[in-house]
Protein backbone atom coordinates (compact mmCIF):
# COMPACT_ATOMS: atom_id res chain seq x y z
CA MET A 1 48.33 25.67 -188.47
CA PRO A 2 48.43 29.31 -189.53
CA ALA A 3 51.12 31.39 -187.83
CA ASP A 4 48.48 33.87 -186.63
CA PHE A 5 46.26 31.17 -185.04
CA ASP A 6 45.19 32.37 -181.59
CA ALA A 7 43.70 29.48 -179.61
CA ASP A 8 42.67 31.72 -176.71
CA LEU A 9 40.77 34.04 -179.05
CA VAL A 10 38.98 31.07 -180.66
CA ILE A 11 38.12 29.60 -177.26
CA ASP A 12 36.76 32.89 -175.92
CA ALA A 13 34.66 33.57 -179.03
CA ASN A 14 33.21 30.08 -179.25
CA ALA A 15 32.59 29.74 -175.53
CA ALA A 16 30.62 32.98 -175.58
CA LEU A 17 28.70 31.90 -178.66
CA LEU A 18 27.83 28.50 -177.19
CA GLY A 19 27.25 29.70 -173.64
CA LEU A 20 30.11 27.58 -172.25
CA GLU A 21 32.24 28.35 -169.26
CA ILE A 22 35.88 27.32 -169.68
CA GLY A 23 37.52 27.40 -166.27
CA PRO A 24 41.19 28.21 -165.72
CA GLU A 25 41.90 24.57 -164.89
CA GLN A 26 40.28 23.45 -168.17
CA ARG A 27 41.84 26.03 -170.51
CA PRO A 28 45.27 24.38 -170.96
CA GLY A 29 43.66 21.14 -172.15
CA VAL A 30 41.24 22.97 -174.43
CA VAL A 31 44.12 24.99 -175.92
CA GLN A 32 46.16 21.81 -176.46
CA PHE A 33 43.41 19.98 -178.32
CA LEU A 34 42.28 23.05 -180.26
CA LYS A 35 45.84 23.50 -181.54
CA LEU A 36 45.95 19.80 -182.46
CA ALA A 37 42.66 20.18 -184.37
CA ALA A 38 44.06 23.23 -186.18
CA GLN A 39 47.18 21.25 -187.16
CA MET A 40 45.01 18.42 -188.52
CA ALA A 41 42.85 20.90 -190.44
CA ALA A 42 45.97 22.44 -191.99
CA LEU A 43 47.08 19.00 -193.21
CA VAL A 44 43.70 18.36 -194.81
CA GLU A 45 43.60 21.81 -196.39
CA ALA A 46 47.11 21.32 -197.82
CA ALA A 47 46.24 18.01 -199.52
CA PRO A 48 45.93 18.33 -203.30
CA ILE A 49 42.45 17.43 -204.49
CA GLY A 50 42.65 18.23 -208.19
CA ASP A 51 39.91 19.60 -210.41
CA THR A 52 37.88 16.40 -210.69
CA LEU A 53 36.78 16.00 -207.07
CA GLU A 54 33.02 15.60 -206.75
CA LEU A 55 31.39 15.77 -203.34
CA ASP A 56 28.18 13.88 -202.84
CA GLY A 57 26.94 15.81 -199.81
CA ALA A 58 25.27 12.76 -198.28
CA PHE A 59 26.55 9.78 -196.30
CA HIS A 60 25.54 6.41 -197.73
CA PRO A 61 26.40 3.58 -195.34
CA VAL A 62 27.37 0.21 -196.72
CA ALA A 63 27.04 -3.19 -195.11
CA PRO A 64 30.16 -4.39 -193.28
């Protein structure tokens, strides 16, 4: 997670954009899980992918 990550700023901006009301009793849980999501995103972004990665852009399910 970037050192300058501001969960409250992200919550306020996205709530306004989506027309959501985040009450004071909900905010601590939203902050907690938003920070967790940011930590997971940082792990994914840090993973080396090399120069040969090709993205398909479409999901193709396979039989179980």
